[in-house]
Amino acid sequence: MRRLFLLPQEFYICKNAERCEDALATVRDVAGTVTKVCKKRTGECLGPYMVLVSEELDPSTTGFLAELSAALAEAGVPVMVYSSVERDYILIPLESLKKALGALKHRGFEVFWEDLPGDLGA
């Protein structure tokens, strides 16, 4: 079973966002640019995005993101992805959310937005 959880608020991908204190993710690229996924626009940002979070996955899991990305690509939905040790975070443009949810359901993914696991609570 492939389960995803939809976080209940919009996010923005912000470049050099020093004022973003509650970032969902922070990435420093090879050029030293810091990008954060923030709940509010702080500086130069893209968005808004909605975030789908995978259920806990073993780090040795293969093919999960490939199948998810293929379903969204076939539907014409662009994505940004961040990963942690246990979960994948899939950022979907707000205007593409309905199309994305339909494509994922068609591929057998289950998406939950009410009963978030305790560690994903807002």
C-alpha atoms as a PDB file:
ATOM      1  CA  MET A   1       0.000   0.000   0.000  1.00  0.00           C
ATOM      2  CA  ARG A   2       1.393   3.414  -0.964  1.00  0.00           C
ATOM      3  CA  ARG A   3       0.115   6.111   1.358  1.00  0.00           C
ATOM      4  CA  LEU A   4       0.656   9.856   1.203  1.00  0.00           C
ATOM      5  CA  PHE A   5      -0.415  12.583   3.605  1.00  0.00           C
ATOM      6  CA  LEU A   6      -1.385  16.067   2.409  1.00  0.00           C
ATOM      7  CA  LEU A   7      -0.184  18.782   4.770  1.00  0.00           C
ATOM      8  CA  PRO A   8      -2.984  21.271   5.529  1.00  0.00           C
ATOM      9  CA  GLN A   9      -1.266  24.513   4.523  1.00  0.00           C
ATOM     10  CA  GLU A  10       0.467  26.143   1.568  1.00  0.00           C
ATOM     11  CA  PHE A  11       4.261  26.368   1.358  1.00  0.00           C
ATOM     12  CA  TYR A  12       6.763  28.415  -0.639  1.00  0.00           C
ATOM     13  CA  ILE A  13      10.228  27.488  -1.887  1.00  0.00           C
ATOM     14  CA  CYS A  14      12.391  30.451  -0.891  1.00  0.00           C
ATOM     15  CA  LYS A  15      15.971  31.256  -1.806  1.00  0.00           C
ATOM     16  CA  ASN A  16      18.241  32.733   0.882  1.00  0.00           C
ATOM     17  CA  ALA A  17      15.295  33.073   3.279  1.00  0.00           C
ATOM     18  CA  GLU A  18      17.028  33.954   6.535  1.00  0.00           C
ATOM     19  CA  ARG A  19      13.715  35.011   8.136  1.00  0.00           C
ATOM     20  CA  CYS A  20      12.088  31.610   7.568  1.00  0.00           C
ATOM     21  CA  GLU A  21      12.414  30.133  11.046  1.00  0.00           C
ATOM     22  CA  ASP A  22       9.939  27.248  10.743  1.00  0.00           C
ATOM     23  CA  ALA A  23      11.233  25.730   7.505  1.00  0.00           C
ATOM     24  CA  LEU A  24       9.915  22.321   6.537  1.00  0.00           C
ATOM     25  CA  ALA A  25      13.206  21.675   4.719  1.00  0.00           C
ATOM     26  CA  THR A  26      16.507  23.497   4.275  1.00  0.00           C
ATOM     27  CA  VAL A  27      18.951  22.638   1.483  1.00  0.00           C
ATOM     28  CA  ARG A  28      22.366  24.140   0.722  1.00  0.00           C
ATOM     29  CA  ASP A  29      23.390  23.405  -2.863  1.00  0.00           C
ATOM     30  CA  VAL A  30      26.933  22.952  -4.166  1.00  0.00           C
ATOM     31  CA  ALA A  31      27.173  26.694  -4.967  1.00  0.00           C
ATOM     32  CA  GLY A  32      26.267  27.557  -1.358  1.00  0.00           C
ATOM     33  CA  THR A  33      22.754  28.814  -2.114  1.00  0.00           C
ATOM     34  CA  VAL A  34      20.343  28.055   0.725  1.00  0.00           C
ATOM     35  CA  THR A  35      16.781  27.116  -0.209  1.00  0.00           C
ATOM     36  CA  LYS A  36      14.034  26.669   2.379  1.00  0.00           C
ATOM     37  CA  VAL A  37      10.478  25.371   2.213  1.00  0.00           C
ATOM     38  CA  CYS A  38       8.545  27.986   4.219  1.00  0.00           C
ATOM     39  CA  LYS A  39       4.943  28.548   5.306  1.00  0.00           C
ATOM     40  CA  LYS A  40       5.191  32.225   4.293  1.00  0.00           C
ATOM     41  CA  ARG A  41       6.918  34.127   1.501  1.00  0.00           C
ATOM     42  CA  THR A  42      10.283  35.306   2.790  1.00  0.00           C
ATOM     43  CA  GLY A  43      12.415  36.809   0.067  1.00  0.00           C
ATOM     44  CA  GLU A  44      12.673  35.398  -3.456  1.00  0.00           C
ATOM     45  CA  CYS A  45      10.113  32.558  -3.549  1.00  0.00           C
ATOM     46  CA  LEU A  46       8.276  30.156  -5.817  1.00  0.00           C
ATOM     47  CA  GLY A  47       4.803  28.951  -4.980  1.00  0.00           C
ATOM     48  CA  PRO A  48       2.409  28.395  -3.461  1.00  0.00           C
ATOM     49  CA  TYR A  49       2.854  24.625  -3.214  1.00  0.00           C
ATOM     50  CA  MET A  50       0.981  21.918  -1.380  1.00  0.00           C
ATOM     51  CA  VAL A  51       3.072  19.186   0.221  1.00  0.00           C
ATOM     52  CA  LEU A  52       2.449  15.464   0.077  1.00  0.00           C
ATOM     53  CA  VAL A  53       4.452  13.431   2.595  1.00  0.00           C
ATOM     54  CA  SER A  54       5.090   9.728   2.199  1.00  0.00           C
ATOM     55  CA  GLU A  55       4.400   7.242   4.926  1.00  0.00           C
ATOM     56  CA  GLU A  56       7.572   6.120   6.701  1.00  0.00           C
ATOM     57  CA  LEU A  57       9.761   4.295   4.204  1.00  0.00           C
ATOM     58  CA  ASP A  58      12.762   2.093   4.784  1.00  0.00           C
ATOM     59  CA  PRO A  59      15.832   3.813   3.268  1.00  0.00           C
ATOM     60  CA  SER A  60      16.392   0.730   1.086  1.00  0.00           C
ATOM     61  CA  THR A  61      12.975   1.154  -0.613  1.00  0.00           C
ATOM     62  CA  THR A  62      13.323   1.398  -4.385  1.00  0.00           C
ATOM     63  CA  GLY A  63      10.960   2.681  -7.045  1.00  0.00           C
ATOM     64  CA  PHE A  64       8.587   4.687  -4.825  1.00  0.00           C
ATOM     65  CA  LEU A  65       9.564   8.121  -6.127  1.00  0.00           C
ATOM     66  CA  ALA A  66       9.980   6.790  -9.667  1.00  0.00           C
ATOM     67  CA  GLU A  67       6.393   5.511  -9.748  1.00  0.00           C
ATOM     68  CA  LEU A  68       5.006   8.639  -8.098  1.00  0.00           C
ATOM     69  CA  SER A  69       6.939  10.943 -10.459  1.00  0.00           C
ATOM     70  CA  ALA A  70       5.881   8.942 -13.507  1.00  0.00           C
ATOM     71  CA  ALA A  71       2.197   9.227 -12.546  1.00  0.00           C
ATOM     72  CA  LEU A  72       2.506  12.982 -12.067  1.00  0.00           C
ATOM     73  CA  ALA A  73       4.589  13.479 -15.218  1.00  0.00           C
ATOM     74  CA  GLU A  74       1.988  11.648 -17.309  1.00  0.00           C
ATOM     75  CA  ALA A  75      -0.628  14.054 -15.908  1.00  0.00           C
ATOM     76  CA  GLY A  76       1.580  17.064 -16.694  1.00  0.00           C
ATOM     77  CA  VAL A  77       2.152  17.955 -13.031  1.00  0.00           C
ATOM     78  CA  PRO A  78       5.590  19.399 -12.171  1.00  0.00           C
ATOM     79  CA  VAL A  79       7.042  18.487  -8.772  1.00  0.00           C
ATOM     80  CA  MET A  80       9.877  19.403  -6.433  1.00  0.00           C
ATOM     81  CA  VAL A  81      11.034  16.654  -4.056  1.00  0.00           C
ATOM     82  CA  TYR A  82      12.946  16.646  -0.782  1.00  0.00           C
ATOM     83  CA  SER A  83      13.787  13.532   1.202  1.00  0.00           C
ATOM     84  CA  SER A  84      14.695  12.747   4.781  1.00  0.00           C
ATOM     85  CA  VAL A  85      15.851   9.452   6.233  1.00  0.00           C
ATOM     86  CA  GLU A  86      12.278   8.190   6.686  1.00  0.00           C
ATOM     87  CA  ARG A  87      10.012  10.228   4.388  1.00  0.00           C
ATOM     88  CA  ASP A  88       9.788  11.891   0.998  1.00  0.00           C
ATOM     89  CA  TYR A  89       8.240  15.367   0.629  1.00  0.00           C
ATOM     90  CA  ILE A  90       6.606  16.067  -2.719  1.00  0.00           C
ATOM     91  CA  LEU A  91       5.820  19.715  -3.464  1.00  0.00           C
ATOM     92  CA  ILE A  92       3.022  20.211  -5.977  1.00  0.00           C
ATOM     93  CA  PRO A  93       1.970  23.615  -7.358  1.00  0.00           C
ATOM     94  CA  LEU A  94      -1.323  24.589  -5.739  1.00  0.00           C
ATOM     95  CA  GLU A  95      -3.005  25.049  -9.134  1.00  0.00           C
ATOM     96  CA  SER A  96      -2.092  21.444 -10.082  1.00  0.00           C
ATOM     97  CA  LEU A  97      -3.239  19.758  -6.863  1.00  0.00           C
ATOM     98  CA  LYS A  98      -6.580  18.420  -8.139  1.00  0.00           C
ATOM     99  CA  LYS A  99      -4.954  16.958 -11.250  1.00  0.00           C
ATOM    100  CA  ALA A 100      -2.148  15.454  -9.130  1.00  0.00           C
ATOM    101  CA  LEU A 101      -4.528  13.804  -6.669  1.00  0.00           C
ATOM    102  CA  GLY A 102      -6.506  12.258  -9.528  1.00  0.00           C
ATOM    103  CA  ALA A 103      -3.358  10.905 -11.194  1.00  0.00           C
ATOM    104  CA  LEU A 104      -2.064   9.418  -7.944  1.00  0.00           C
ATOM    105  CA  LYS A 105      -5.398   7.788  -7.120  1.00  0.00           C
ATOM    106  CA  HIS A 106      -5.486   6.300 -10.626  1.00  0.00           C
ATOM    107  CA  ARG A 107      -2.048   4.728  -9.937  1.00  0.00           C
ATOM    108  CA  GLY A 108      -3.147   3.215  -6.631  1.00  0.00           C
ATOM    109  CA  PHE A 109      -1.766   5.771  -4.182  1.00  0.00           C
ATOM    110  CA  GLU A 110      -3.915   6.627  -1.170  1.00  0.00           C
ATOM    111  CA  VAL A 111      -3.884  10.262  -0.048  1.00  0.00           C
ATOM    112  CA  PHE A 112      -5.008  11.257   3.443  1.00  0.00           C
ATOM    113  CA  TRP A 113      -5.498  14.814   4.662  1.00  0.00           C
ATOM    114  CA  GLU A 114      -7.449  14.519   7.891  1.00  0.00           C
ATOM    115  CA  ASP A 115      -5.736  11.831   9.974  1.00  0.00           C
ATOM    116  CA  LEU A 116      -2.087  12.818   9.831  1.00  0.00           C
ATOM    117  CA  PRO A 117       0.334  10.629  11.779  1.00  0.00           C
ATOM    118  CA  GLY A 118       1.372  12.279  15.053  1.00  0.00           C
ATOM    119  CA  ASP A 119       4.805  13.325  13.814  1.00  0.00           C
ATOM    120  CA  LEU A 120       3.240  15.131  10.826  1.00  0.00           C
ATOM    121  CA  GLY A 121       0.710  17.187  12.790  1.00  0.00           C
ATOM    122  CA  ALA A 122       0.675  20.846  11.798  1.00  0.00           C
END
